Amino acid sequence: VRFVESGGGLVQPGGSLRLSCAASGMIFSIFAMGWYRQAPGKQRELVARITSGGSTTYAGSVKGRFTISRDNAENTVYLRMNSLKPEDTAVYYCKRSDYDGDNWGQGTQVTVPS
């Protein structure tokens, strides 16, 4: 199983980005997927989750600003991030949210300067 994240970058406060995560080596459509982030000096946290049926949940810090979605035909999960803040600066990762055995991908860096 492999996850390849992309779409990060440097964006000014208030800006937007869309992250993509391409999954391979698994039957993508049957698994819930999560987007996670790890800021410098902090633990990795789950910021958004989408079930196989498309139900979504969000961390309080991103609710109303981030939107997770999936394309099962493309084996890809997305994270649309709006109204970005400096505290959103982190490396963002994706994996199956309900499975502990996955290896983490390389992540994609999002930087929002203060």
PDB file of N, CA and C in Angstrom:
ATOM      1  N   VAL A   1       0.861  -1.188   0.000  1.00  0.00           N
ATOM      2  CA  VAL A   1       0.000   0.000   0.000  1.00  0.00           C
ATOM      3  C   VAL A   1       0.893   1.233   0.000  1.00  0.00           C
ATOM      4  N   ARG A   2       0.517   2.205  -0.823  1.00  0.00           N
ATOM      5  CA  ARG A   2       1.346   3.414  -0.952  1.00  0.00           C
ATOM      6  C   ARG A   2       0.453   4.628  -1.100  1.00  0.00           C
ATOM      7  N   PHE A   3       0.877   5.727  -0.469  1.00  0.00           N
ATOM      8  CA  PHE A   3       0.169   6.999  -0.571  1.00  0.00           C
ATOM      9  C   PHE A   3       1.141   8.069  -1.041  1.00  0.00           C
ATOM     10  N   VAL A   4       0.750   8.846  -2.044  1.00  0.00           N
ATOM     11  CA  VAL A   4       1.598   9.912  -2.561  1.00  0.00           C
ATOM     12  C   VAL A   4       0.825  11.216  -2.495  1.00  0.00           C
ATOM     13  N   GLU A   5       1.287  12.096  -1.612  1.00  0.00           N
ATOM     14  CA  GLU A   5       0.617  13.379  -1.406  1.00  0.00           C
ATOM     15  C   GLU A   5       1.256  14.454  -2.292  1.00  0.00           C
ATOM     16  N   SER A   6       0.444  15.412  -2.722  1.00  0.00           N
ATOM     17  CA  SER A   6       0.943  16.515  -3.536  1.00  0.00           C
ATOM     18  C   SER A   6       0.031  17.723  -3.381  1.00  0.00           C
ATOM     19  N   GLY A   7       0.504  18.853  -3.884  1.00  0.00           N
ATOM     20  CA  GLY A   7      -0.323  20.049  -3.907  1.00  0.00           C
ATOM     21  C   GLY A   7       0.015  21.099  -2.870  1.00  0.00           C
ATOM     22  N   GLY A   8       0.958  20.811  -2.002  1.00  0.00           N
ATOM     23  CA  GLY A   8       1.328  21.795  -0.990  1.00  0.00           C
ATOM     24  C   GLY A   8       2.109  22.952  -1.580  1.00  0.00           C
ATOM     25  N   GLY A   9       2.421  23.927  -0.726  1.00  0.00           N
ATOM     26  CA  GLY A   9       3.175  25.070  -1.179  1.00  0.00           C
ATOM     27  C   GLY A   9       3.137  26.198  -0.172  1.00  0.00           C
ATOM     28  N   LEU A  10       3.639  27.344  -0.609  1.00  0.00           N
ATOM     29  CA  LEU A  10       3.630  28.558   0.206  1.00  0.00           C
ATOM     30  C   LEU A  10       2.436  29.399  -0.211  1.00  0.00           C
ATOM     31  N   VAL A  11       1.598  29.749   0.739  1.00  0.00           N
ATOM     32  CA  VAL A  11       0.404  30.535   0.427  1.00  0.00           C
ATOM     33  C   VAL A  11       0.222  31.596   1.494  1.00  0.00           C
ATOM     34  N   GLN A  12      -0.227  32.759   1.098  1.00  0.00           N
ATOM     35  CA  GLN A  12      -0.444  33.857   2.047  1.00  0.00           C
ATOM     36  C   GLN A  12      -1.669  33.590   2.905  1.00  0.00           C
ATOM     37  N   PRO A  13      -1.717  34.149   4.102  1.00  0.00           N
ATOM     38  CA  PRO A  13      -2.914  33.995   4.935  1.00  0.00           C
ATOM     39  C   PRO A  13      -4.172  34.398   4.175  1.00  0.00           C
ATOM     40  N   GLY A  14      -5.203  33.610   4.348  1.00  0.00           N
ATOM     41  CA  GLY A  14      -6.448  33.819   3.627  1.00  0.00           C
ATOM     42  C   GLY A  14      -6.525  33.106   2.297  1.00  0.00           C
ATOM     43  N   GLY A  15      -5.411  32.550   1.847  1.00  0.00           N
ATOM     44  CA  GLY A  15      -5.380  31.866   0.566  1.00  0.00           C
ATOM     45  C   GLY A  15      -5.908  30.448   0.627  1.00  0.00           C
ATOM     46  N   SER A  16      -5.842  29.782  -0.514  1.00  0.00           N
ATOM     47  CA  SER A  16      -6.390  28.433  -0.643  1.00  0.00           C
ATOM     48  C   SER A  16      -5.385  27.500  -1.314  1.00  0.00           C
ATOM     49  N   LEU A  17      -5.523  26.233  -0.996  1.00  0.00           N
ATOM     50  CA  LEU A  17      -4.777  25.178  -1.654  1.00  0.00           C
ATOM     51  C   LEU A  17      -5.665  23.954  -1.768  1.00  0.00           C
ATOM     52  N   ARG A  18      -5.369  23.093  -2.754  1.00  0.00           N
ATOM     53  CA  ARG A  18      -6.012  21.795  -2.808  1.00  0.00           C
ATOM     54  C   ARG A  18      -4.923  20.724  -2.816  1.00  0.00           C
ATOM     55  N   LEU A  19      -4.973  19.879  -1.817  1.00  0.00           N
ATOM     56  CA  LEU A  19      -4.045  18.758  -1.723  1.00  0.00           C
ATOM     57  C   LEU A  19      -4.660  17.516  -2.350  1.00  0.00           C
ATOM     58  N   SER A  20      -3.802  16.691  -2.919  1.00  0.00           N
ATOM     59  CA  SER A  20      -4.224  15.420  -3.492  1.00  0.00           C
ATOM     60  C   SER A  20      -3.430  14.289  -2.871  1.00  0.00           C
ATOM     61  N   CYS A  21      -4.053  13.127  -2.778  1.00  0.00           N
ATOM     62  CA  CYS A  21      -3.377  11.937  -2.277  1.00  0.00           C
ATOM     63  C   CYS A  21      -3.773  10.767  -3.160  1.00  0.00           C
ATOM     64  N   ALA A  22      -2.806  10.246  -3.874  1.00  0.00           N
ATOM     65  CA  ALA A  22      -3.041   9.089  -4.726  1.00  0.00           C
ATOM     66  C   ALA A  22      -2.680   7.820  -3.973  1.00  0.00           C
ATOM     67  N   ALA A  23      -3.634   6.902  -3.891  1.00  0.00           N
ATOM     68  CA  ALA A  23      -3.424   5.645  -3.183  1.00  0.00           C
ATOM     69  C   ALA A  23      -3.259   4.497  -4.166  1.00  0.00           C
ATOM     70  N   SER A  24      -2.450   3.530  -3.799  1.00  0.00           N
ATOM     71  CA  SER A  24      -2.272   2.354  -4.643  1.00  0.00           C
ATOM     72  C   SER A  24      -2.033   1.129  -3.767  1.00  0.00           C
ATOM     73  N   GLY A  25      -2.268  -0.046  -4.353  1.00  0.00           N
ATOM     74  CA  GLY A  25      -2.018  -1.287  -3.631  1.00  0.00           C
ATOM     75  C   GLY A  25      -3.142  -1.729  -2.722  1.00  0.00           C
ATOM     76  N   MET A  26      -4.300  -1.148  -2.859  1.00  0.00           N
ATOM     77  CA  MET A  26      -5.439  -1.498  -2.021  1.00  0.00           C
ATOM     78  C   MET A  26      -6.730  -1.241  -2.790  1.00  0.00           C
ATOM     79  N   ILE A  27      -7.831  -1.805  -2.262  1.00  0.00           N
ATOM     80  CA  ILE A  27      -9.139  -1.521  -2.841  1.00  0.00           C
ATOM     81  C   ILE A  27      -9.621  -0.221  -2.215  1.00  0.00           C
ATOM     82  N   PHE A  28      -9.304   0.891  -2.866  1.00  0.00           N
ATOM     83  CA  PHE A  28      -9.466   2.218  -2.299  1.00  0.00           C
ATOM     84  C   PHE A  28     -10.900   2.479  -1.844  1.00  0.00           C
ATOM     85  N   SER A  29     -11.878   2.076  -2.628  1.00  0.00           N
ATOM     86  CA  SER A  29     -13.255   2.503  -2.403  1.00  0.00           C
ATOM     87  C   SER A  29     -13.860   1.984  -1.105  1.00  0.00           C
ATOM     88  N   ILE A  30     -13.306   0.936  -0.524  1.00  0.00           N
ATOM     89  CA  ILE A  30     -13.946   0.335   0.647  1.00  0.00           C
ATOM     90  C   ILE A  30     -13.416   0.884   1.969  1.00  0.00           C
ATOM     91  N   PHE A  31     -12.409   1.770   1.896  1.00  0.00           N
ATOM     92  CA  PHE A  31     -11.781   2.253   3.121  1.00  0.00           C
ATOM     93  C   PHE A  31     -12.098   3.714   3.411  1.00  0.00           C
ATOM     94  N   ALA A  32     -12.276   4.025   4.705  1.00  0.00           N
ATOM     95  CA  ALA A  32     -12.288   5.410   5.133  1.00  0.00           C
ATOM     96  C   ALA A  32     -10.872   5.964   5.018  1.00  0.00           C
ATOM     97  N   MET A  33     -10.772   7.233   4.613  1.00  0.00           N
ATOM     98  CA  MET A  33      -9.464   7.867   4.430  1.00  0.00           C
ATOM     99  C   MET A  33      -9.373   9.116   5.293  1.00  0.00           C
ATOM    100  N   GLY A  34      -8.172   9.412   5.729  1.00  0.00           N
ATOM    101  CA  GLY A  34      -7.971  10.602   6.547  1.00  0.00           C
ATOM    102  C   GLY A  34      -6.831  11.455   6.042  1.00  0.00           C
ATOM    103  N   TRP A  35      -6.980  12.751   6.262  1.00  0.00           N
ATOM    104  CA  TRP A  35      -5.869  13.686   6.082  1.00  0.00           C
ATOM    105  C   TRP A  35      -5.348  14.054   7.474  1.00  0.00           C
ATOM    106  N   TYR A  36      -4.055  14.001   7.608  1.00  0.00           N
ATOM    107  CA  TYR A  36      -3.387  14.294   8.864  1.00  0.00           C
ATOM    108  C   TYR A  36      -2.367  15.417   8.632  1.00  0.00           C
ATOM    109  N   ARG A  37      -1.954  16.057   9.734  1.00  0.00           N
ATOM    110  CA  ARG A  37      -0.889  17.029   9.598  1.00  0.00           C
ATOM    111  C   ARG A  37       0.011  16.994  10.832  1.00  0.00           C
ATOM    112  N   GLN A  38       1.256  17.375  10.598  1.00  0.00           N
ATOM    113  CA  GLN A  38       2.207  17.464  11.698  1.00  0.00           C
ATOM    114  C   GLN A  38       2.969  18.772  11.565  1.00  0.00           C
ATOM    115  N   ALA A  39       2.765  19.625  12.549  1.00  0.00           N
ATOM    116  CA  ALA A  39       3.466  20.902  12.615  1.00  0.00           C
ATOM    117  C   ALA A  39       4.782  20.712  13.365  1.00  0.00           C
ATOM    118  N   PRO A  40       5.747  21.591  13.154  1.00  0.00           N
ATOM    119  CA  PRO A  40       7.039  21.467  13.847  1.00  0.00           C
ATOM    120  C   PRO A  40       6.857  21.412  15.356  1.00  0.00           C
ATOM    121  N   GLY A  41       7.455  20.406  15.983  1.00  0.00           N
ATOM    122  CA  GLY A  41       7.393  20.270  17.426  1.00  0.00           C
ATOM    123  C   GLY A  41       6.078  19.773  17.974  1.00  0.00           C
ATOM    124  N   LYS A  42       5.162  19.361  17.100  1.00  0.00           N
ATOM    125  CA  LYS A  42       3.850  18.899  17.553  1.00  0.00           C
ATOM    126  C   LYS A  42       3.590  17.478  17.073  1.00  0.00           C
ATOM    127  N   GLN A  43       2.625  16.833  17.712  1.00  0.00           N
ATOM    128  CA  GLN A  43       2.239  15.495  17.290  1.00  0.00           C
ATOM    129  C   GLN A  43       1.390  15.561  16.028  1.00  0.00           C
ATOM    130  N   ARG A  44       1.433  14.480  15.279  1.00  0.00           N
ATOM    131  CA  ARG A  44       0.584  14.391  14.100  1.00  0.00           C
ATOM    132  C   ARG A  44      -0.872  14.309  14.539  1.00  0.00           C
ATOM    133  N   GLU A  45      -1.756  15.009  13.823  1.00  0.00           N
ATOM    134  CA  GLU A  45      -3.171  15.023  14.176  1.00  0.00           C
ATOM    135  C   GLU A  45      -4.027  14.775  12.940  1.00  0.00           C
ATOM    136  N   LEU A  46      -5.193  14.175  13.186  1.00  0.00           N
ATOM    137  CA  LEU A  46      -6.171  13.956  12.130  1.00  0.00           C
ATOM    138  C   LEU A  46      -6.963  15.231  11.941  1.00  0.00           C
ATOM    139  N   VAL A  47      -7.011  15.734  10.713  1.00  0.00           N
ATOM    140  CA  VAL A  47      -7.759  16.975  10.480  1.00  0.00           C
ATOM    141  C   VAL A  47      -9.061  16.733   9.725  1.00  0.00           C
ATOM    142  N   ALA A  48      -9.148  15.670   8.941  1.00  0.00           N
ATOM    143  CA  ALA A  48     -10.374  15.400   8.192  1.00  0.00           C
ATOM    144  C   ALA A  48     -10.432  13.926   7.843  1.00  0.00           C
ATOM    145  N   ARG A  49     -11.639  13.412   7.813  1.00  0.00           N
ATOM    146  CA  ARG A  49     -11.860  11.990   7.510  1.00  0.00           C
ATOM    147  C   ARG A  49     -13.065  11.862   6.612  1.00  0.00           C
ATOM    148  N   ILE A  50     -12.998  10.917   5.678  1.00  0.00           N
ATOM    149  CA  ILE A  50     -14.134  10.626   4.810  1.00  0.00           C
ATOM    150  C   ILE A  50     -14.328   9.124   4.762  1.00  0.00           C
ATOM    151  N   THR A  51     -15.554   8.684   4.985  1.00  0.00           N
ATOM    152  CA  THR A  51     -15.851   7.251   4.963  1.00  0.00           C
ATOM    153  C   THR A  51     -15.983   6.752   3.534  1.00  0.00           C
ATOM    154  N   SER A  52     -16.106   5.443   3.404  1.00  0.00           N
ATOM    155  CA  SER A  52     -16.303   4.865   2.078  1.00  0.00           C
ATOM    156  C   SER A  52     -17.592   5.374   1.454  1.00  0.00           C
ATOM    157  N   GLY A  53     -18.551   5.721   2.284  1.00  0.00           N
ATOM    158  CA  GLY A  53     -19.826   6.220   1.783  1.00  0.00           C
ATOM    159  C   GLY A  53     -19.865   7.714   1.570  1.00  0.00           C
ATOM    160  N   GLY A  54     -18.779   8.406   1.910  1.00  0.00           N
ATOM    161  CA  GLY A  54     -18.704   9.836   1.663  1.00  0.00           C
ATOM    162  C   GLY A  54     -19.044  10.722   2.846  1.00  0.00           C
ATOM    163  N   SER A  55     -19.309  10.151   4.013  1.00  0.00           N
ATOM    164  CA  SER A  55     -19.547  10.973   5.194  1.00  0.00           C
ATOM    165  C   SER A  55     -18.230  11.578   5.673  1.00  0.00           C
ATOM    166  N   THR A  56     -18.309  12.816   6.143  1.00  0.00           N
ATOM    167  CA  THR A  56     -17.086  13.529   6.507  1.00  0.00           C
ATOM    168  C   THR A  56     -17.124  14.031   7.943  1.00  0.00           C
ATOM    169  N   THR A  57     -15.956  14.098   8.553  1.00  0.00           N
ATOM    170  CA  THR A  57     -15.785  14.718   9.860  1.00  0.00           C
ATOM    171  C   THR A  57     -14.502  15.535   9.837  1.00  0.00           C
ATOM    172  N   TYR A  58     -14.464  16.568  10.694  1.00  0.00           N
ATOM    173  CA  TYR A  58     -13.347  17.496  10.707  1.00  0.00           C
ATOM    174  C   TYR A  58     -12.921  17.830  12.131  1.00  0.00           C
ATOM    175  N   ALA A  59     -11.638  18.140  12.273  1.00  0.00           N
ATOM    176  CA  ALA A  59     -11.167  18.700  13.529  1.00  0.00           C
ATOM    177  C   ALA A  59     -11.758  20.097  13.694  1.00  0.00           C
ATOM    178  N   GLY A  60     -11.990  20.473  14.938  1.00  0.00           N
ATOM    179  CA  GLY A  60     -12.609  21.761  15.189  1.00  0.00           C
ATOM    180  C   GLY A  60     -11.839  22.925  14.605  1.00  0.00           C
ATOM    181  N   SER A  61     -10.510  22.795  14.566  1.00  0.00           N
ATOM    182  CA  SER A  61      -9.669  23.893  14.102  1.00  0.00           C
ATOM    183  C   SER A  61      -9.793  24.168  12.600  1.00  0.00           C
ATOM    184  N   VAL A  62     -10.324  23.205  11.842  1.00  0.00           N
ATOM    185  CA  VAL A  62     -10.424  23.384  10.388  1.00  0.00           C
ATOM    186  C   VAL A  62     -11.859  23.356   9.891  1.00  0.00           C
ATOM    187  N   LYS A  63     -12.787  23.083  10.769  1.00  0.00           N
ATOM    188  CA  LYS A  63     -14.194  22.971  10.364  1.00  0.00           C
ATOM    189  C   LYS A  63     -14.659  24.270   9.731  1.00  0.00           C
ATOM    190  N   GLY A  64     -15.329  24.150   8.596  1.00  0.00           N
ATOM    191  CA  GLY A  64     -15.816  25.322   7.888  1.00  0.00           C
ATOM    192  C   GLY A  64     -14.812  25.908   6.920  1.00  0.00           C
ATOM    193  N   ARG A  65     -13.540  25.473   7.016  1.00  0.00           N
ATOM    194  CA  ARG A  65     -12.510  25.996   6.119  1.00  0.00           C
ATOM    195  C   ARG A  65     -11.959  24.915   5.191  1.00  0.00           C
ATOM    196  N   PHE A  66     -11.904  23.688   5.665  1.00  0.00           N
ATOM    197  CA  PHE A  66     -11.363  22.569   4.886  1.00  0.00           C
ATOM    198  C   PHE A  66     -12.493  21.660   4.428  1.00  0.00           C
ATOM    199  N   THR A  67     -12.315  21.069   3.242  1.00  0.00           N
ATOM    200  CA  THR A  67     -13.280  20.116   2.707  1.00  0.00           C
ATOM    201  C   THR A  67     -12.531  18.900   2.166  1.00  0.00           C
ATOM    202  N   ILE A  68     -12.881  17.734   2.691  1.00  0.00           N
ATOM    203  CA  ILE A  68     -12.293  16.490   2.200  1.00  0.00           C
ATOM    204  C   ILE A  68     -13.246  15.858   1.195  1.00  0.00           C
ATOM    205  N   SER A  69     -12.698  15.272   0.149  1.00  0.00           N
ATOM    206  CA  SER A  69     -13.517  14.589  -0.855  1.00  0.00           C
ATOM    207  C   SER A  69     -12.698  13.437  -1.436  1.00  0.00           C
ATOM    208  N   ARG A  70     -13.375  12.580  -2.174  1.00  0.00           N
ATOM    209  CA  ARG A  70     -12.676  11.432  -2.753  1.00  0.00           C
ATOM    210  C   ARG A  70     -13.211  11.129  -4.143  1.00  0.00           C
ATOM    211  N   ASP A  71     -12.335  10.562  -4.959  1.00  0.00           N
ATOM    212  CA  ASP A  71     -12.700  10.092  -6.289  1.00  0.00           C
ATOM    213  C   ASP A  71     -12.283   8.632  -6.347  1.00  0.00           C
ATOM    214  N   ASN A  72     -13.236   7.737  -6.172  1.00  0.00           N
ATOM    215  CA  ASN A  72     -12.906   6.313  -6.123  1.00  0.00           C
ATOM    216  C   ASN A  72     -12.416   5.790  -7.472  1.00  0.00           C
ATOM    217  N   ALA A  73     -12.852   6.406  -8.553  1.00  0.00           N
ATOM    218  CA  ALA A  73     -12.394   5.972  -9.872  1.00  0.00           C
ATOM    219  C   ALA A  73     -10.910   6.276 -10.067  1.00  0.00           C
ATOM    220  N   GLU A  74     -10.434   7.323  -9.388  1.00  0.00           N
ATOM    221  CA  GLU A  74      -9.029   7.730  -9.505  1.00  0.00           C
ATOM    222  C   GLU A  74      -8.197   7.301  -8.305  1.00  0.00           C
ATOM    223  N   ASN A  75      -8.813   6.601  -7.359  1.00  0.00           N
ATOM    224  CA  ASN A  75      -8.097   6.192  -6.130  1.00  0.00           C
ATOM    225  C   ASN A  75      -7.414   7.392  -5.462  1.00  0.00           C
ATOM    226  N   THR A  76      -8.134   8.498  -5.388  1.00  0.00           N
ATOM    227  CA  THR A  76      -7.548   9.737  -4.888  1.00  0.00           C
ATOM    228  C   THR A  76      -8.466  10.389  -3.861  1.00  0.00           C
ATOM    229  N   VAL A  77      -7.842  10.934  -2.829  1.00  0.00           N
ATOM    230  CA  VAL A  77      -8.566  11.723  -1.844  1.00  0.00           C
ATOM    231  C   VAL A  77      -7.988  13.135  -1.873  1.00  0.00           C
ATOM    232  N   TYR A  78      -8.865  14.116  -1.721  1.00  0.00           N
ATOM    233  CA  TYR A  78      -8.486  15.517  -1.817  1.00  0.00           C
ATOM    234  C   TYR A  78      -8.755  16.236  -0.505  1.00  0.00           C
ATOM    235  N   LEU A  79      -8.037  17.349  -0.315  1.00  0.00           N
ATOM    236  CA  LEU A  79      -8.316  18.236   0.802  1.00  0.00           C
ATOM    237  C   LEU A  79      -8.272  19.656   0.270  1.00  0.00           C
ATOM    238  N   ARG A  80      -9.454  20.268   0.198  1.00  0.00           N
ATOM    239  CA  ARG A  80      -9.533  21.656  -0.187  1.00  0.00           C
ATOM    240  C   ARG A  80      -9.405  22.493   1.069  1.00  0.00           C
ATOM    241  N   MET A  81      -8.447  23.436   1.074  1.00  0.00           N
ATOM    242  CA  MET A  81      -8.189  24.255   2.246  1.00  0.00           C
ATOM    243  C   MET A  81      -8.387  25.715   1.885  1.00  0.00           C
ATOM    244  N   ASN A  82      -9.342  26.349   2.524  1.00  0.00           N
ATOM    245  CA  ASN A  82      -9.629  27.758   2.310  1.00  0.00           C
ATOM    246  C   ASN A  82      -9.300  28.556   3.560  1.00  0.00           C
ATOM    247  N   SER A  83      -9.204  29.865   3.411  1.00  0.00           N
ATOM    248  CA  SER A  83      -8.965  30.768   4.539  1.00  0.00           C
ATOM    249  C   SER A  83      -7.797  30.288   5.385  1.00  0.00           C
ATOM    250  N   LEU A  84      -6.714  29.992   4.740  1.00  0.00           N
ATOM    251  CA  LEU A  84      -5.566  29.426   5.445  1.00  0.00           C
ATOM    252  C   LEU A  84      -4.958  30.407   6.442  1.00  0.00           C
ATOM    253  N   LYS A  85      -4.492  29.843   7.547  1.00  0.00           N
ATOM    254  CA  LYS A  85      -3.916  30.613   8.643  1.00  0.00           C
ATOM    255  C   LYS A  85      -2.479  30.146   8.893  1.00  0.00           C
ATOM    256  N   PRO A  86      -1.673  30.983   9.529  1.00  0.00           N
ATOM    257  CA  PRO A  86      -0.310  30.535   9.852  1.00  0.00           C
ATOM    258  C   PRO A  86      -0.280  29.241  10.659  1.00  0.00           C
ATOM    259  N   GLU A  87      -1.273  29.028  11.505  1.00  0.00           N
ATOM    260  CA  GLU A  87      -1.296  27.801  12.308  1.00  0.00           C
ATOM    261  C   GLU A  87      -1.632  26.557  11.498  1.00  0.00           C
ATOM    262  N   ASP A  88      -1.971  26.718  10.231  1.00  0.00           N
ATOM    263  CA  ASP A  88      -2.165  25.556   9.354  1.00  0.00           C
ATOM    264  C   ASP A  88      -0.844  25.064   8.775  1.00  0.00           C
ATOM    265  N   THR A  89       0.234  25.785   9.025  1.00  0.00           N
ATOM    266  CA  THR A  89       1.543  25.368   8.533  1.00  0.00           C
ATOM    267  C   THR A  89       1.916  24.014   9.114  1.00  0.00           C
ATOM    268  N   ALA A  90       2.204  23.051   8.226  1.00  0.00           N
ATOM    269  CA  ALA A  90       2.496  21.686   8.649  1.00  0.00           C
ATOM    270  C   ALA A  90       2.829  20.850   7.415  1.00  0.00           C
ATOM    271  N   VAL A  91       3.292  19.640   7.669  1.00  0.00           N
ATOM    272  CA  VAL A  91       3.370  18.632   6.609  1.00  0.00           C
ATOM    273  C   VAL A  91       2.075  17.836   6.671  1.00  0.00           C
ATOM    274  N   TYR A  92       1.432  17.696   5.525  1.00  0.00           N
ATOM    275  CA  TYR A  92       0.141  17.024   5.439  1.00  0.00           C
ATOM    276  C   TYR A  92       0.319  15.640   4.818  1.00  0.00           C
ATOM    277  N   TYR A  93      -0.347  14.663   5.435  1.00  0.00           N
ATOM    278  CA  TYR A  93      -0.272  13.270   5.026  1.00  0.00           C
ATOM    279  C   TYR A  93      -1.671  12.690   4.882  1.00  0.00           C
ATOM    280  N   CYS A  94      -1.780  11.609   4.140  1.00  0.00           N
ATOM    281  CA  CYS A  94      -3.028  10.865   4.087  1.00  0.00           C
ATOM    282  C   CYS A  94      -2.741   9.390   4.341  1.00  0.00           C
ATOM    283  N   LYS A  95      -3.748   8.691   4.808  1.00  0.00           N
ATOM    284  CA  LYS A  95      -3.699   7.231   4.981  1.00  0.00           C
ATOM    285  C   LYS A  95      -5.091   6.754   5.304  1.00  0.00           C
ATOM    286  N   ARG A  96      -5.227   5.447   5.388  1.00  0.00           N
ATOM    287  CA  ARG A  96      -6.494   4.887   5.832  1.00  0.00           C
ATOM    288  C   ARG A  96      -6.688   5.259   7.303  1.00  0.00           C
ATOM    289  N   SER A  97      -7.822   5.813   7.619  1.00  0.00           N
ATOM    290  CA  SER A  97      -8.012   6.360   8.957  1.00  0.00           C
ATOM    291  C   SER A  97      -8.305   5.284   9.995  1.00  0.00           C
ATOM    292  N   ASP A  98      -8.779   4.131   9.584  1.00  0.00           N
ATOM    293  CA  ASP A  98      -9.188   3.102  10.536  1.00  0.00           C
ATOM    294  C   ASP A  98      -8.255   1.897  10.518  1.00  0.00           C
ATOM    295  N   TYR A  99      -7.064   2.068  10.015  1.00  0.00           N
ATOM    296  CA  TYR A  99      -6.114   0.981   9.872  1.00  0.00           C
ATOM    297  C   TYR A  99      -4.748   1.469  10.322  1.00  0.00           C
ATOM    298  N   ASP A 100      -4.171   0.767  11.313  1.00  0.00           N
ATOM    299  CA  ASP A 100      -2.917   1.221  11.914  1.00  0.00           C
ATOM    300  C   ASP A 100      -1.680   0.720  11.196  1.00  0.00           C
ATOM    301  N   GLY A 101      -1.834  -0.188  10.217  1.00  0.00           N
ATOM    302  CA  GLY A 101      -0.665  -0.830   9.642  1.00  0.00           C
ATOM    303  C   GLY A 101      -0.024  -0.106   8.476  1.00  0.00           C
ATOM    304  N   ASP A 102      -0.619   1.022   8.031  1.00  0.00           N
ATOM    305  CA  ASP A 102      -0.071   1.696   6.861  1.00  0.00           C
ATOM    306  C   ASP A 102       1.215   2.445   7.190  1.00  0.00           C
ATOM    307  N   ASN A 103       2.120   2.454   6.200  1.00  0.00           N
ATOM    308  CA  ASN A 103       3.287   3.323   6.293  1.00  0.00           C
ATOM    309  C   ASN A 103       2.897   4.728   5.823  1.00  0.00           C
ATOM    310  N   TRP A 104       3.489   5.725   6.432  1.00  0.00           N
ATOM    311  CA  TRP A 104       3.230   7.097   6.025  1.00  0.00           C
ATOM    312  C   TRP A 104       3.958   7.413   4.725  1.00  0.00           C
ATOM    313  N   GLY A 105       3.323   8.232   3.865  1.00  0.00           N
ATOM    314  CA  GLY A 105       3.988   8.724   2.673  1.00  0.00           C
ATOM    315  C   GLY A 105       4.952   9.829   3.031  1.00  0.00           C
ATOM    316  N   GLN A 106       5.432  10.530   2.000  1.00  0.00           N
ATOM    317  CA  GLN A 106       6.409  11.592   2.245  1.00  0.00           C
ATOM    318  C   GLN A 106       5.749  12.880   2.699  1.00  0.00           C
ATOM    319  N   GLY A 107       4.448  12.967   2.508  1.00  0.00           N
ATOM    320  CA  GLY A 107       3.714  14.168   2.888  1.00  0.00           C
ATOM    321  C   GLY A 107       3.940  15.303   1.911  1.00  0.00           C
ATOM    322  N   THR A 108       3.186  16.381   2.133  1.00  0.00           N
ATOM    323  CA  THR A 108       3.343  17.586   1.319  1.00  0.00           C
ATOM    324  C   THR A 108       3.330  18.785   2.255  1.00  0.00           C
ATOM    325  N   GLN A 109       4.287  19.668   2.091  1.00  0.00           N
ATOM    326  CA  GLN A 109       4.466  20.790   3.005  1.00  0.00           C
ATOM    327  C   GLN A 109       3.529  21.938   2.645  1.00  0.00           C
ATOM    328  N   VAL A 110       2.821  22.427   3.641  1.00  0.00           N
ATOM    329  CA  VAL A 110       2.001  23.634   3.498  1.00  0.00           C
ATOM    330  C   VAL A 110       2.580  24.693   4.432  1.00  0.00           C
ATOM    331  N   THR A 111       2.884  25.846   3.879  1.00  0.00           N
ATOM    332  CA  THR A 111       3.451  26.929   4.671  1.00  0.00           C
ATOM    333  C   THR A 111       2.619  28.179   4.482  1.00  0.00           C
ATOM    334  N   VAL A 112       2.139  28.712   5.612  1.00  0.00           N
ATOM    335  CA  VAL A 112       1.365  29.953   5.617  1.00  0.00           C
ATOM    336  C   VAL A 112       2.114  30.931   6.517  1.00  0.00           C
ATOM    337  N   PRO A 113       2.804  31.892   5.976  1.00  0.00           N
ATOM    338  CA  PRO A 113       3.625  32.781   6.801  1.00  0.00           C
ATOM    339  C   PRO A 113       2.771  33.719   7.632  1.00  0.00           C
ATOM    340  N   SER A 114       3.308  34.094   8.782  1.00  0.00           N
ATOM    341  CA  SER A 114       2.573  35.014   9.661  1.00  0.00           C
ATOM    342  C   SER A 114       2.935  36.455   9.341  1.00  0.00           C
TER     343      SER A 114
END
